[in-house]
Amino acid sequence: MQTEGVHTARGKIWRWNRKRATGIVESTTGYQIWFGLDSLRGRKLDDINLGDVVDVEYEFAQQDSHDRRAVLITWVES
């Protein structure tokens, strides 16, 4: 498994804490990717919902109990 650089995945918003502006994306392959406010790039906090389908660029980096951290999240419009 390559751990250097930025990787991409599709997933869904699995957990969202509006108060902390952090959450978890669960990828289609089952990985959990932590994200924070800086990866949202202008998305309004009230516009984030559990189950939203997203594309996520992430890196292997320890964040809390997770080993993947989002760099950029893009919402997939249906």
PDB file of N, CA and C in Angstrom:
ATOM      1  N   MET A   1       0.837  -1.175   0.000  1.00  0.00           N
ATOM      2  CA  MET A   1       0.000   0.000   0.000  1.00  0.00           C
ATOM      3  C   MET A   1       0.884   1.241   0.000  1.00  0.00           C
ATOM      4  N   GLN A   2       0.587   2.169  -0.880  1.00  0.00           N
ATOM      5  CA  GLN A   2       1.340   3.416  -0.967  1.00  0.00           C
ATOM      6  C   GLN A   2       0.841   4.374   0.114  1.00  0.00           C
ATOM      7  N   THR A   3       1.760   4.900   0.922  1.00  0.00           N
ATOM      8  CA  THR A   3       1.363   5.805   1.994  1.00  0.00           C
ATOM      9  C   THR A   3       1.861   7.233   1.794  1.00  0.00           C
ATOM     10  N   GLU A   4       2.616   7.481   0.741  1.00  0.00           N
ATOM     11  CA  GLU A   4       3.142   8.822   0.463  1.00  0.00           C
ATOM     12  C   GLU A   4       2.185   9.588  -0.439  1.00  0.00           C
ATOM     13  N   GLY A   5       2.106  10.897  -0.256  1.00  0.00           N
ATOM     14  CA  GLY A   5       1.338  11.747  -1.148  1.00  0.00           C
ATOM     15  C   GLY A   5      -0.149  11.765  -0.849  1.00  0.00           C
ATOM     16  N   VAL A   6      -0.888  12.333  -1.799  1.00  0.00           N
ATOM     17  CA  VAL A   6      -2.331  12.497  -1.658  1.00  0.00           C
ATOM     18  C   VAL A   6      -3.043  11.403  -2.445  1.00  0.00           C
ATOM     19  N   HIS A   7      -4.079  10.840  -1.857  1.00  0.00           N
ATOM     20  CA  HIS A   7      -4.875   9.767  -2.458  1.00  0.00           C
ATOM     21  C   HIS A   7      -6.310  10.260  -2.614  1.00  0.00           C
ATOM     22  N   THR A   8      -7.100   9.563  -3.416  1.00  0.00           N
ATOM     23  CA  THR A   8      -8.497   9.944  -3.610  1.00  0.00           C
ATOM     24  C   THR A   8      -9.412   8.761  -3.339  1.00  0.00           C
ATOM     25  N   ALA A   9     -10.621   9.080  -2.910  1.00  0.00           N
ATOM     26  CA  ALA A   9     -11.627   8.049  -2.652  1.00  0.00           C
ATOM     27  C   ALA A   9     -13.006   8.691  -2.743  1.00  0.00           C
ATOM     28  N   ARG A  10     -13.991   7.865  -2.983  1.00  0.00           N
ATOM     29  CA  ARG A  10     -15.384   8.292  -2.905  1.00  0.00           C
ATOM     30  C   ARG A  10     -15.949   7.683  -1.634  1.00  0.00           C
ATOM     31  N   GLY A  11     -16.846   8.421  -1.012  1.00  0.00           N
ATOM     32  CA  GLY A  11     -17.452   7.914   0.213  1.00  0.00           C
ATOM     33  C   GLY A  11     -18.669   8.728   0.600  1.00  0.00           C
ATOM     34  N   LYS A  12     -19.091   8.531   1.852  1.00  0.00           N
ATOM     35  CA  LYS A  12     -20.251   9.244   2.395  1.00  0.00           C
ATOM     36  C   LYS A  12     -19.875   9.864   3.731  1.00  0.00           C
ATOM     37  N   ILE A  13     -20.528  10.984   4.025  1.00  0.00           N
ATOM     38  CA  ILE A  13     -20.354  11.578   5.346  1.00  0.00           C
ATOM     39  C   ILE A  13     -20.964  10.598   6.345  1.00  0.00           C
ATOM     40  N   TRP A  14     -20.143  10.075   7.214  1.00  0.00           N
ATOM     41  CA  TRP A  14     -20.551   9.033   8.155  1.00  0.00           C
ATOM     42  C   TRP A  14     -20.786   9.617   9.546  1.00  0.00           C
ATOM     43  N   ARG A  15     -19.987  10.599   9.915  1.00  0.00           N
ATOM     44  CA  ARG A  15     -20.141  11.277  11.203  1.00  0.00           C
ATOM     45  C   ARG A  15     -19.878  12.755  10.978  1.00  0.00           C
ATOM     46  N   TRP A  16     -20.665  13.599  11.668  1.00  0.00           N
ATOM     47  CA  TRP A  16     -20.484  15.035  11.531  1.00  0.00           C
ATOM     48  C   TRP A  16     -20.768  15.699  12.870  1.00  0.00           C
ATOM     49  N   ASN A  17     -19.807  16.473  13.366  1.00  0.00           N
ATOM     50  CA  ASN A  17     -19.954  17.227  14.602  1.00  0.00           C
ATOM     51  C   ASN A  17     -19.890  18.705  14.237  1.00  0.00           C
ATOM     52  N   ARG A  18     -21.049  19.311  14.096  1.00  0.00           N
ATOM     53  CA  ARG A  18     -21.114  20.706  13.661  1.00  0.00           C
ATOM     54  C   ARG A  18     -20.409  21.623  14.648  1.00  0.00           C
ATOM     55  N   LYS A  19     -20.565  21.353  15.943  1.00  0.00           N
ATOM     56  CA  LYS A  19     -19.966  22.202  16.981  1.00  0.00           C
ATOM     57  C   LYS A  19     -18.439  22.256  16.854  1.00  0.00           C
ATOM     58  N   ARG A  20     -17.828  21.114  16.552  1.00  0.00           N
ATOM     59  CA  ARG A  20     -16.369  21.044  16.398  1.00  0.00           C
ATOM     60  C   ARG A  20     -15.916  21.234  14.950  1.00  0.00           C
ATOM     61  N   ALA A  21     -16.868  21.199  14.024  1.00  0.00           N
ATOM     62  CA  ALA A  21     -16.583  21.290  12.582  1.00  0.00           C
ATOM     63  C   ALA A  21     -15.609  20.198  12.152  1.00  0.00           C
ATOM     64  N   THR A  22     -15.869  18.979  12.639  1.00  0.00           N
ATOM     65  CA  THR A  22     -15.084  17.808  12.251  1.00  0.00           C
ATOM     66  C   THR A  22     -16.023  16.650  11.957  1.00  0.00           C
ATOM     67  N   GLY A  23     -15.514  15.692  11.205  1.00  0.00           N
ATOM     68  CA  GLY A  23     -16.332  14.532  10.894  1.00  0.00           C
ATOM     69  C   GLY A  23     -15.511  13.411  10.301  1.00  0.00           C
ATOM     70  N   ILE A  24     -16.232  12.382   9.861  1.00  0.00           N
ATOM     71  CA  ILE A  24     -15.621  11.195   9.276  1.00  0.00           C
ATOM     72  C   ILE A  24     -16.319  10.891   7.952  1.00  0.00           C
ATOM     73  N   VAL A  25     -15.518  10.649   6.926  1.00  0.00           N
ATOM     74  CA  VAL A  25     -16.020  10.110   5.660  1.00  0.00           C
ATOM     75  C   VAL A  25     -15.721   8.620   5.685  1.00  0.00           C
ATOM     76  N   GLU A  26     -16.726   7.800   5.368  1.00  0.00           N
ATOM     77  CA  GLU A  26     -16.477   6.372   5.200  1.00  0.00           C
ATOM     78  C   GLU A  26     -16.394   6.110   3.703  1.00  0.00           C
ATOM     79  N   SER A  27     -15.234   5.628   3.264  1.00  0.00           N
ATOM     80  CA  SER A  27     -15.025   5.396   1.833  1.00  0.00           C
ATOM     81  C   SER A  27     -15.801   4.168   1.379  1.00  0.00           C
ATOM     82  N   THR A  28     -15.959   4.030   0.075  1.00  0.00           N
ATOM     83  CA  THR A  28     -16.666   2.871  -0.470  1.00  0.00           C
ATOM     84  C   THR A  28     -15.919   1.573  -0.187  1.00  0.00           C
ATOM     85  N   THR A  29     -14.628   1.676   0.141  1.00  0.00           N
ATOM     86  CA  THR A  29     -13.843   0.484   0.492  1.00  0.00           C
ATOM     87  C   THR A  29     -13.802   0.244   1.995  1.00  0.00           C
ATOM     88  N   GLY A  30     -14.515   1.083   2.772  1.00  0.00           N
ATOM     89  CA  GLY A  30     -14.637   0.864   4.205  1.00  0.00           C
ATOM     90  C   GLY A  30     -13.660   1.610   5.090  1.00  0.00           C
ATOM     91  N   TYR A  31     -12.766   2.401   4.498  1.00  0.00           N
ATOM     92  CA  TYR A  31     -11.831   3.187   5.308  1.00  0.00           C
ATOM     93  C   TYR A  31     -12.534   4.407   5.882  1.00  0.00           C
ATOM     94  N   GLN A  32     -12.135   4.792   7.080  1.00  0.00           N
ATOM     95  CA  GLN A  32     -12.655   6.008   7.689  1.00  0.00           C
ATOM     96  C   GLN A  32     -11.601   7.103   7.577  1.00  0.00           C
ATOM     97  N   ILE A  33     -12.031   8.243   7.050  1.00  0.00           N
ATOM     98  CA  ILE A  33     -11.136   9.369   6.796  1.00  0.00           C
ATOM     99  C   ILE A  33     -11.634  10.567   7.597  1.00  0.00           C
ATOM    100  N   TRP A  34     -10.787  11.044   8.508  1.00  0.00           N
ATOM    101  CA  TRP A  34     -11.121  12.196   9.349  1.00  0.00           C
ATOM    102  C   TRP A  34     -11.076  13.471   8.519  1.00  0.00           C
ATOM    103  N   PHE A  35     -11.997  14.414   8.788  1.00  0.00           N
ATOM    104  CA  PHE A  35     -11.913  15.718   8.128  1.00  0.00           C
ATOM    105  C   PHE A  35     -12.235  16.838   9.107  1.00  0.00           C
ATOM    106  N   GLY A  36     -11.678  17.989   8.808  1.00  0.00           N
ATOM    107  CA  GLY A  36     -11.917  19.187   9.601  1.00  0.00           C
ATOM    108  C   GLY A  36     -12.334  20.337   8.711  1.00  0.00           C
ATOM    109  N   LEU A  37     -12.582  21.448   9.328  1.00  0.00           N
ATOM    110  CA  LEU A  37     -13.077  22.632   8.640  1.00  0.00           C
ATOM    111  C   LEU A  37     -12.214  23.035   7.449  1.00  0.00           C
ATOM    112  N   ASP A  38     -10.909  22.903   7.571  1.00  0.00           N
ATOM    113  CA  ASP A  38     -10.011  23.353   6.498  1.00  0.00           C
ATOM    114  C   ASP A  38     -10.164  22.557   5.207  1.00  0.00           C
ATOM    115  N   SER A  39     -10.701  21.343   5.269  1.00  0.00           N
ATOM    116  CA  SER A  39     -10.869  20.531   4.054  1.00  0.00           C
ATOM    117  C   SER A  39     -12.196  20.802   3.347  1.00  0.00           C
ATOM    118  N   LEU A  40     -13.067  21.590   3.959  1.00  0.00           N
ATOM    119  CA  LEU A  40     -14.395  21.825   3.393  1.00  0.00           C
ATOM    120  C   LEU A  40     -14.408  22.903   2.323  1.00  0.00           C
ATOM    121  N   ARG A  41     -13.437  23.786   2.341  1.00  0.00           N
ATOM    122  CA  ARG A  41     -13.250  24.831   1.324  1.00  0.00           C
ATOM    123  C   ARG A  41     -14.537  25.562   0.961  1.00  0.00           C
ATOM    124  N   GLY A  42     -15.148  26.208   1.953  1.00  0.00           N
ATOM    125  CA  GLY A  42     -16.287  27.058   1.672  1.00  0.00           C
ATOM    126  C   GLY A  42     -17.652  26.414   1.825  1.00  0.00           C
ATOM    127  N   ARG A  43     -17.717  25.133   2.056  1.00  0.00           N
ATOM    128  CA  ARG A  43     -19.020  24.486   2.258  1.00  0.00           C
ATOM    129  C   ARG A  43     -19.615  25.008   3.562  1.00  0.00           C
ATOM    130  N   LYS A  44     -20.862  25.419   3.546  1.00  0.00           N
ATOM    131  CA  LYS A  44     -21.513  25.911   4.759  1.00  0.00           C
ATOM    132  C   LYS A  44     -21.769  24.747   5.712  1.00  0.00           C
ATOM    133  N   LEU A  45     -21.524  24.985   6.986  1.00  0.00           N
ATOM    134  CA  LEU A  45     -21.681  23.926   7.986  1.00  0.00           C
ATOM    135  C   LEU A  45     -23.104  23.375   8.015  1.00  0.00           C
ATOM    136  N   ASP A  46     -24.092  24.228   7.764  1.00  0.00           N
ATOM    137  CA  ASP A  46     -25.486  23.771   7.764  1.00  0.00           C
ATOM    138  C   ASP A  46     -25.832  22.938   6.536  1.00  0.00           C
ATOM    139  N   ASP A  47     -24.953  22.925   5.530  1.00  0.00           N
ATOM    140  CA  ASP A  47     -25.203  22.173   4.298  1.00  0.00           C
ATOM    141  C   ASP A  47     -24.539  20.802   4.293  1.00  0.00           C
ATOM    142  N   ILE A  48     -24.031  20.365   5.438  1.00  0.00           N
ATOM    143  CA  ILE A  48     -23.374  19.059   5.546  1.00  0.00           C
ATOM    144  C   ILE A  48     -24.335  18.105   6.241  1.00  0.00           C
ATOM    145  N   ASN A  49     -24.611  16.974   5.592  1.00  0.00           N
ATOM    146  CA  ASN A  49     -25.567  16.010   6.128  1.00  0.00           C
ATOM    147  C   ASN A  49     -24.990  14.606   6.101  1.00  0.00           C
ATOM    148  N   LEU A  50     -25.365  13.809   7.084  1.00  0.00           N
ATOM    149  CA  LEU A  50     -24.975  12.401   7.080  1.00  0.00           C
ATOM    150  C   LEU A  50     -25.499  11.755   5.809  1.00  0.00           C
ATOM    151  N   GLY A  51     -24.673  10.944   5.185  1.00  0.00           N
ATOM    152  CA  GLY A  51     -25.064  10.261   3.960  1.00  0.00           C
ATOM    153  C   GLY A  51     -24.723  11.009   2.688  1.00  0.00           C
ATOM    154  N   ASP A  52     -24.305  12.279   2.789  1.00  0.00           N
ATOM    155  CA  ASP A  52     -23.880  13.019   1.595  1.00  0.00           C
ATOM    156  C   ASP A  52     -22.760  12.252   0.894  1.00  0.00           C
ATOM    157  N   VAL A  53     -22.851  12.142  -0.429  1.00  0.00           N
ATOM    158  CA  VAL A  53     -21.807  11.472  -1.211  1.00  0.00           C
ATOM    159  C   VAL A  53     -20.739  12.502  -1.560  1.00  0.00           C
ATOM    160  N   VAL A  54     -19.483  12.126  -1.303  1.00  0.00           N
ATOM    161  CA  VAL A  54     -18.366  13.051  -1.511  1.00  0.00           C
ATOM    162  C   VAL A  54     -17.188  12.345  -2.162  1.00  0.00           C
ATOM    163  N   ASP A  55     -16.370  13.141  -2.837  1.00  0.00           N
ATOM    164  CA  ASP A  55     -15.041  12.708  -3.260  1.00  0.00           C
ATOM    165  C   ASP A  55     -14.076  13.355  -2.288  1.00  0.00           C
ATOM    166  N   VAL A  56     -13.110  12.593  -1.828  1.00  0.00           N
ATOM    167  CA  VAL A  56     -12.183  13.110  -0.825  1.00  0.00           C
ATOM    168  C   VAL A  56     -10.745  12.861  -1.256  1.00  0.00           C
ATOM    169  N   GLU A  57      -9.939  13.898  -1.142  1.00  0.00           N
ATOM    170  CA  GLU A  57      -8.500  13.763  -1.298  1.00  0.00           C
ATOM    171  C   GLU A  57      -7.956  13.677   0.117  1.00  0.00           C
ATOM    172  N   TYR A  58      -7.109  12.678   0.377  1.00  0.00           N
ATOM    173  CA  TYR A  58      -6.632  12.474   1.746  1.00  0.00           C
ATOM    174  C   TYR A  58      -5.169  12.069   1.746  1.00  0.00           C
ATOM    175  N   GLU A  59      -4.590  12.165   2.936  1.00  0.00           N
ATOM    176  CA  GLU A  59      -3.208  11.734   3.142  1.00  0.00           C
ATOM    177  C   GLU A  59      -3.170  10.809   4.349  1.00  0.00           C
ATOM    178  N   PHE A  60      -2.139   9.990   4.403  1.00  0.00           N
ATOM    179  CA  PHE A  60      -1.943   9.145   5.566  1.00  0.00           C
ATOM    180  C   PHE A  60      -1.293   9.998   6.642  1.00  0.00           C
ATOM    181  N   ALA A  61      -2.055  10.327   7.661  1.00  0.00           N
ATOM    182  CA  ALA A  61      -1.569  11.149   8.764  1.00  0.00           C
ATOM    183  C   ALA A  61      -2.438  10.844   9.975  1.00  0.00           C
ATOM    184  N   GLN A  62      -1.840  10.705  11.116  1.00  0.00           N
ATOM    185  CA  GLN A  62      -2.581  10.393  12.338  1.00  0.00           C
ATOM    186  C   GLN A  62      -3.406  11.595  12.773  1.00  0.00           C
ATOM    187  N   GLN A  63      -4.689  11.376  12.982  1.00  0.00           N
ATOM    188  CA  GLN A  63      -5.585  12.414  13.491  1.00  0.00           C
ATOM    189  C   GLN A  63      -6.540  11.732  14.452  1.00  0.00           C
ATOM    190  N   ASP A  64      -6.394  12.016  15.733  1.00  0.00           N
ATOM    191  CA  ASP A  64      -7.138  11.310  16.770  1.00  0.00           C
ATOM    192  C   ASP A  64      -6.850   9.817  16.615  1.00  0.00           C
ATOM    193  N   SER A  65      -7.884   9.000  16.495  1.00  0.00           N
ATOM    194  CA  SER A  65      -7.665   7.551  16.361  1.00  0.00           C
ATOM    195  C   SER A  65      -7.646   7.097  14.901  1.00  0.00           C
ATOM    196  N   HIS A  66      -7.624   8.031  13.969  1.00  0.00           N
ATOM    197  CA  HIS A  66      -7.676   7.715  12.539  1.00  0.00           C
ATOM    198  C   HIS A  66      -6.316   7.927  11.882  1.00  0.00           C
ATOM    199  N   ASP A  67      -6.027   7.117  10.862  1.00  0.00           N
ATOM    200  CA  ASP A  67      -4.729   7.230  10.185  1.00  0.00           C
ATOM    201  C   ASP A  67      -4.827   7.870   8.804  1.00  0.00           C
ATOM    202  N   ARG A  68      -6.016   8.375   8.469  1.00  0.00           N
ATOM    203  CA  ARG A  68      -6.212   9.084   7.203  1.00  0.00           C
ATOM    204  C   ARG A  68      -6.877  10.421   7.499  1.00  0.00           C
ATOM    205  N   ARG A  69      -6.377  11.482   6.860  1.00  0.00           N
ATOM    206  CA  ARG A  69      -6.898  12.827   7.098  1.00  0.00           C
ATOM    207  C   ARG A  69      -7.201  13.487   5.760  1.00  0.00           C
ATOM    208  N   ALA A  70      -8.399  14.042   5.631  1.00  0.00           N
ATOM    209  CA  ALA A  70      -8.820  14.694   4.388  1.00  0.00           C
ATOM    210  C   ALA A  70      -8.051  15.982   4.153  1.00  0.00           C
ATOM    211  N   VAL A  71      -7.711  16.201   2.893  1.00  0.00           N
ATOM    212  CA  VAL A  71      -7.093  17.445   2.442  1.00  0.00           C
ATOM    213  C   VAL A  71      -8.156  18.311   1.768  1.00  0.00           C
ATOM    214  N   LEU A  72      -9.033  17.675   0.996  1.00  0.00           N
ATOM    215  CA  LEU A  72     -10.090  18.386   0.273  1.00  0.00           C
ATOM    216  C   LEU A  72     -11.288  17.461   0.103  1.00  0.00           C
ATOM    217  N   ILE A  73     -12.464  17.999   0.395  1.00  0.00           N
ATOM    218  CA  ILE A  73     -13.708  17.252   0.201  1.00  0.00           C
ATOM    219  C   ILE A  73     -14.547  17.993  -0.831  1.00  0.00           C
ATOM    220  N   THR A  74     -15.039  17.250  -1.830  1.00  0.00           N
ATOM    221  CA  THR A  74     -15.887  17.801  -2.878  1.00  0.00           C
ATOM    222  C   THR A  74     -17.191  17.020  -2.891  1.00  0.00           C
ATOM    223  N   TRP A  75     -18.298  17.731  -2.836  1.00  0.00           N
ATOM    224  CA  TRP A  75     -19.596  17.068  -2.833  1.00  0.00           C
ATOM    225  C   TRP A  75     -19.962  16.618  -4.234  1.00  0.00           C
ATOM    226  N   VAL A  76     -20.493  15.402  -4.327  1.00  0.00           N
ATOM    227  CA  VAL A  76     -20.963  14.841  -5.592  1.00  0.00           C
ATOM    228  C   VAL A  76     -22.438  15.196  -5.693  1.00  0.00           C
ATOM    229  N   GLU A  77     -22.764  16.023  -6.644  1.00  0.00           N
ATOM    230  CA  GLU A  77     -24.160  16.459  -6.810  1.00  0.00           C
ATOM    231  C   GLU A  77     -24.936  15.388  -7.557  1.00  0.00           C
ATOM    232  N   SER A  78     -26.131  15.106  -7.048  1.00  0.00           N
ATOM    233  CA  SER A  78     -26.949  14.056  -7.683  1.00  0.00           C
ATOM    234  C   SER A  78     -27.856  14.618  -8.744  1.00  0.00           C
TER     235      SER A  78
END
